[in-house]
Amino acid sequence: LNIQDKEEFGGYEPILFFDTKGKFLEKVKKDSPSKYNPLEAEFVVKIVNSLLSANAKEEYIGIITPYKDHEEYIKKILQTNIEVKSVDGFQGREKEIIILSLVRANEKEEIGFLSDIRRLNVAITRAKRKLIVIGD
């Protein structure tokens, strides 16, 4: 999961997948049907920082996640103005670089929200130049 494994943010590769290998487990807030994944969110922030260090502009980067609680968690720890939205929130829009944080990592290997192929299609087709996917 080291960012350097992907040449900081992948060089010129248009699509990257960081496999969390079950090391970042999802969590659920009390009284919420949504999910979030704190360690995956922290990894997203590291990727964002690497992109910014490589002179990517904040307005070129978007972060997509299927779960509202994960969206809120990322916004809380992200120290930039980068747009963080749910899959539905990015529908019909694009950014140069999209980071897709999939959230789900559990012993039952449940996929959840993105088992709907239409939502998965929206999530993976928002990037103009680079798609970075983080998931288990």
C-alpha atoms as a PDB file:
ATOM      1  CA  LEU A   1       0.000   0.000   0.000  1.00  0.00           C
ATOM      2  CA  ASN A   2       2.986   2.282  -0.259  1.00  0.00           C
ATOM      3  CA  ILE A   3       2.306   5.154  -2.640  1.00  0.00           C
ATOM      4  CA  GLN A   4       5.884   4.905  -3.923  1.00  0.00           C
ATOM      5  CA  ASP A   5       4.944   1.453  -5.241  1.00  0.00           C
ATOM      6  CA  LYS A   6       2.960   3.308  -7.885  1.00  0.00           C
ATOM      7  CA  GLU A   7       5.598   5.968  -8.659  1.00  0.00           C
ATOM      8  CA  GLU A   8       4.040   8.519  -6.314  1.00  0.00           C
ATOM      9  CA  PHE A   9       0.647   8.655  -8.028  1.00  0.00           C
ATOM     10  CA  GLY A  10       1.138   6.376 -10.993  1.00  0.00           C
ATOM     11  CA  GLY A  11       3.094   8.491 -13.397  1.00  0.00           C
ATOM     12  CA  TYR A  12       1.234   8.494 -16.676  1.00  0.00           C
ATOM     13  CA  GLU A  13      -0.797   5.342 -16.059  1.00  0.00           C
ATOM     14  CA  PRO A  14      -4.450   6.257 -16.663  1.00  0.00           C
ATOM     15  CA  ILE A  15      -5.877   3.669 -14.270  1.00  0.00           C
ATOM     16  CA  LEU A  16      -4.451   2.496 -10.934  1.00  0.00           C
ATOM     17  CA  PHE A  17      -5.833   0.089  -8.376  1.00  0.00           C
ATOM     18  CA  PHE A  18      -4.504   0.026  -4.821  1.00  0.00           C
ATOM     19  CA  ASP A  19      -5.534  -3.244  -3.194  1.00  0.00           C
ATOM     20  CA  THR A  20      -5.969  -2.787   0.548  1.00  0.00           C
ATOM     21  CA  LYS A  21      -5.788  -6.585   0.946  1.00  0.00           C
ATOM     22  CA  GLY A  22      -8.269  -6.638   3.816  1.00  0.00           C
ATOM     23  CA  LYS A  23      -6.017  -4.496   6.025  1.00  0.00           C
ATOM     24  CA  PHE A  24      -8.425  -1.532   6.125  1.00  0.00           C
ATOM     25  CA  LEU A  25     -11.718  -2.744   7.587  1.00  0.00           C
ATOM     26  CA  GLU A  26     -14.962  -0.814   7.232  1.00  0.00           C
ATOM     27  CA  LYS A  27     -16.803   0.623  10.210  1.00  0.00           C
ATOM     28  CA  VAL A  28     -20.380   1.652  10.932  1.00  0.00           C
ATOM     29  CA  LYS A  29     -21.489   4.593  13.062  1.00  0.00           C
ATOM     30  CA  LYS A  30     -24.088   3.902  15.701  1.00  0.00           C
ATOM     31  CA  ASP A  31     -27.598   4.416  14.280  1.00  0.00           C
ATOM     32  CA  SER A  32     -26.364   4.799  10.674  1.00  0.00           C
ATOM     33  CA  PRO A  33     -26.935   2.437   7.738  1.00  0.00           C
ATOM     34  CA  SER A  34     -23.922   3.955   5.959  1.00  0.00           C
ATOM     35  CA  LYS A  35     -20.303   2.761   6.121  1.00  0.00           C
ATOM     36  CA  TYR A  36     -16.900   4.406   6.429  1.00  0.00           C
ATOM     37  CA  ASN A  37     -13.310   3.202   6.420  1.00  0.00           C
ATOM     38  CA  PRO A  38     -10.892   5.388   8.426  1.00  0.00           C
ATOM     39  CA  LEU A  39      -7.642   3.761   7.253  1.00  0.00           C
ATOM     40  CA  GLU A  40      -8.730   3.889   3.623  1.00  0.00           C
ATOM     41  CA  ALA A  41      -9.678   7.555   4.076  1.00  0.00           C
ATOM     42  CA  GLU A  42      -6.202   8.276   5.452  1.00  0.00           C
ATOM     43  CA  PHE A  43      -4.699   6.540   2.420  1.00  0.00           C
ATOM     44  CA  VAL A  44      -6.845   8.728   0.146  1.00  0.00           C
ATOM     45  CA  VAL A  45      -5.384  11.795   1.869  1.00  0.00           C
ATOM     46  CA  LYS A  46      -1.846  10.470   1.256  1.00  0.00           C
ATOM     47  CA  ILE A  47      -2.630  10.051  -2.431  1.00  0.00           C
ATOM     48  CA  VAL A  48      -4.093  13.561  -2.602  1.00  0.00           C
ATOM     49  CA  ASN A  49      -0.951  14.962  -0.955  1.00  0.00           C
ATOM     50  CA  SER A  50       1.233  13.086  -3.463  1.00  0.00           C
ATOM     51  CA  LEU A  51      -0.792  14.471  -6.358  1.00  0.00           C
ATOM     52  CA  LEU A  52      -0.534  18.013  -5.004  1.00  0.00           C
ATOM     53  CA  SER A  53       3.213  17.581  -4.436  1.00  0.00           C
ATOM     54  CA  ALA A  54       3.490  16.577  -8.084  1.00  0.00           C
ATOM     55  CA  ASN A  55       1.824  19.903  -9.031  1.00  0.00           C
ATOM     56  CA  ALA A  56      -1.694  18.643  -9.691  1.00  0.00           C
ATOM     57  CA  LYS A  57      -4.179  21.447  -9.048  1.00  0.00           C
ATOM     58  CA  GLU A  58      -6.887  20.980  -6.424  1.00  0.00           C
ATOM     59  CA  GLU A  59      -9.605  21.793  -8.942  1.00  0.00           C
ATOM     60  CA  TYR A  60      -8.458  18.890 -11.156  1.00  0.00           C
ATOM     61  CA  ILE A  61      -8.999  16.283  -8.414  1.00  0.00           C
ATOM     62  CA  GLY A  62     -12.256  14.732  -7.274  1.00  0.00           C
ATOM     63  CA  ILE A  63     -12.898  12.044  -4.684  1.00  0.00           C
ATOM     64  CA  ILE A  64     -15.841   9.696  -5.090  1.00  0.00           C
ATOM     65  CA  THR A  65     -17.147   7.239  -2.530  1.00  0.00           C
ATOM     66  CA  PRO A  66     -20.333   5.175  -2.394  1.00  0.00           C
ATOM     67  CA  TYR A  67     -21.107   5.965   1.257  1.00  0.00           C
ATOM     68  CA  LYS A  68     -22.195   9.256   2.833  1.00  0.00           C
ATOM     69  CA  ASP A  69     -20.447   8.515   6.158  1.00  0.00           C
ATOM     70  CA  HIS A  70     -17.176   7.881   4.303  1.00  0.00           C
ATOM     71  CA  GLU A  71     -17.640  11.113   2.335  1.00  0.00           C
ATOM     72  CA  GLU A  72     -18.085  13.031   5.602  1.00  0.00           C
ATOM     73  CA  TYR A  73     -15.066  11.328   7.191  1.00  0.00           C
ATOM     74  CA  ILE A  74     -12.799  12.191   4.250  1.00  0.00           C
ATOM     75  CA  LYS A  75     -13.996  15.813   4.274  1.00  0.00           C
ATOM     76  CA  LYS A  76     -13.196  15.986   7.992  1.00  0.00           C
ATOM     77  CA  ILE A  77      -9.573  14.822   7.592  1.00  0.00           C
ATOM     78  CA  LEU A  78      -8.792  16.351   4.190  1.00  0.00           C
ATOM     79  CA  GLN A  79      -6.964  19.670   4.550  1.00  0.00           C
ATOM     80  CA  THR A  80      -7.836  20.965   1.058  1.00  0.00           C
ATOM     81  CA  ASN A  81     -10.741  22.267  -0.991  1.00  0.00           C
ATOM     82  CA  ILE A  82     -10.857  19.129  -3.131  1.00  0.00           C
ATOM     83  CA  GLU A  83     -14.372  18.059  -3.958  1.00  0.00           C
ATOM     84  CA  VAL A  84     -15.566  14.910  -2.167  1.00  0.00           C
ATOM     85  CA  LYS A  85     -18.915  13.508  -3.258  1.00  0.00           C
ATOM     86  CA  SER A  86     -20.972  10.361  -3.330  1.00  0.00           C
ATOM     87  CA  VAL A  87     -21.327   8.434  -6.580  1.00  0.00           C
ATOM     88  CA  ASP A  88     -24.724  10.053  -7.160  1.00  0.00           C
ATOM     89  CA  GLY A  89     -23.239  13.492  -6.419  1.00  0.00           C
ATOM     90  CA  PHE A  90     -20.749  13.109  -9.291  1.00  0.00           C
ATOM     91  CA  GLN A  91     -23.263  11.826 -11.826  1.00  0.00           C
ATOM     92  CA  GLY A  92     -23.071  13.862 -15.025  1.00  0.00           C
ATOM     93  CA  ARG A  93     -19.794  15.529 -14.002  1.00  0.00           C
ATOM     94  CA  GLU A  94     -16.088  14.895 -14.550  1.00  0.00           C
ATOM     95  CA  LYS A  95     -12.667  15.824 -13.169  1.00  0.00           C
ATOM     96  CA  GLU A  96      -9.198  15.321 -14.611  1.00  0.00           C
ATOM     97  CA  ILE A  97      -8.252  12.959 -11.762  1.00  0.00           C
ATOM     98  CA  ILE A  98     -10.736  10.866  -9.823  1.00  0.00           C
ATOM     99  CA  ILE A  99      -9.908   8.952  -6.666  1.00  0.00           C
ATOM    100  CA  LEU A 100     -12.547   6.288  -6.064  1.00  0.00           C
ATOM    101  CA  SER A 101     -12.566   5.003  -2.487  1.00  0.00           C
ATOM    102  CA  LEU A 102     -14.655   1.817  -2.380  1.00  0.00           C
ATOM    103  CA  VAL A 103     -14.903   1.595   1.448  1.00  0.00           C
ATOM    104  CA  ARG A 104     -16.131  -1.981   1.818  1.00  0.00           C
ATOM    105  CA  ALA A 105     -13.792  -4.500   3.432  1.00  0.00           C
ATOM    106  CA  ASN A 106     -15.378  -7.121   5.638  1.00  0.00           C
ATOM    107  CA  GLU A 107     -15.130 -10.786   6.533  1.00  0.00           C
ATOM    108  CA  LYS A 108     -18.270 -11.631   4.528  1.00  0.00           C
ATOM    109  CA  GLU A 109     -16.744 -10.003   1.414  1.00  0.00           C
ATOM    110  CA  GLU A 110     -19.937  -8.019   0.797  1.00  0.00           C
ATOM    111  CA  ILE A 111     -19.759  -5.418  -1.959  1.00  0.00           C
ATOM    112  CA  GLY A 112     -22.850  -3.428  -1.055  1.00  0.00           C
ATOM    113  CA  PHE A 113     -23.801  -0.264  -2.932  1.00  0.00           C
ATOM    114  CA  LEU A 114     -21.580  -0.832  -5.974  1.00  0.00           C
ATOM    115  CA  SER A 115     -23.128  -4.195  -6.766  1.00  0.00           C
ATOM    116  CA  ASP A 116     -25.519  -2.022  -8.811  1.00  0.00           C
ATOM    117  CA  ILE A 117     -23.636  -1.951 -12.120  1.00  0.00           C
ATOM    118  CA  ARG A 118     -25.136   1.455 -13.049  1.00  0.00           C
ATOM    119  CA  ARG A 119     -23.621   3.091  -9.985  1.00  0.00           C
ATOM    120  CA  LEU A 120     -20.306   1.371 -10.569  1.00  0.00           C
ATOM    121  CA  ASN A 121     -20.384   2.659 -14.159  1.00  0.00           C
ATOM    122  CA  VAL A 122     -20.962   6.227 -12.956  1.00  0.00           C
ATOM    123  CA  ALA A 123     -18.137   5.914 -10.418  1.00  0.00           C
ATOM    124  CA  ILE A 124     -15.491   4.671 -12.850  1.00  0.00           C
ATOM    125  CA  THR A 125     -16.345   6.963 -15.767  1.00  0.00           C
ATOM    126  CA  ARG A 126     -15.947  10.388 -14.083  1.00  0.00           C
ATOM    127  CA  ALA A 127     -12.185  10.660 -14.702  1.00  0.00           C
ATOM    128  CA  LYS A 128     -10.915  12.496 -17.785  1.00  0.00           C
ATOM    129  CA  ARG A 129      -7.233  11.541 -17.437  1.00  0.00           C
ATOM    130  CA  LYS A 130      -6.591   9.352 -14.390  1.00  0.00           C
ATOM    131  CA  LEU A 131      -8.689   7.012 -12.267  1.00  0.00           C
ATOM    132  CA  ILE A 132      -7.235   5.851  -8.947  1.00  0.00           C
ATOM    133  CA  VAL A 133      -9.271   3.125  -7.259  1.00  0.00           C
ATOM    134  CA  ILE A 134      -8.714   2.060  -3.649  1.00  0.00           C
ATOM    135  CA  GLY A 135     -10.436  -1.064  -2.425  1.00  0.00           C
ATOM    136  CA  ASP A 136     -10.270  -4.565  -1.072  1.00  0.00           C
END
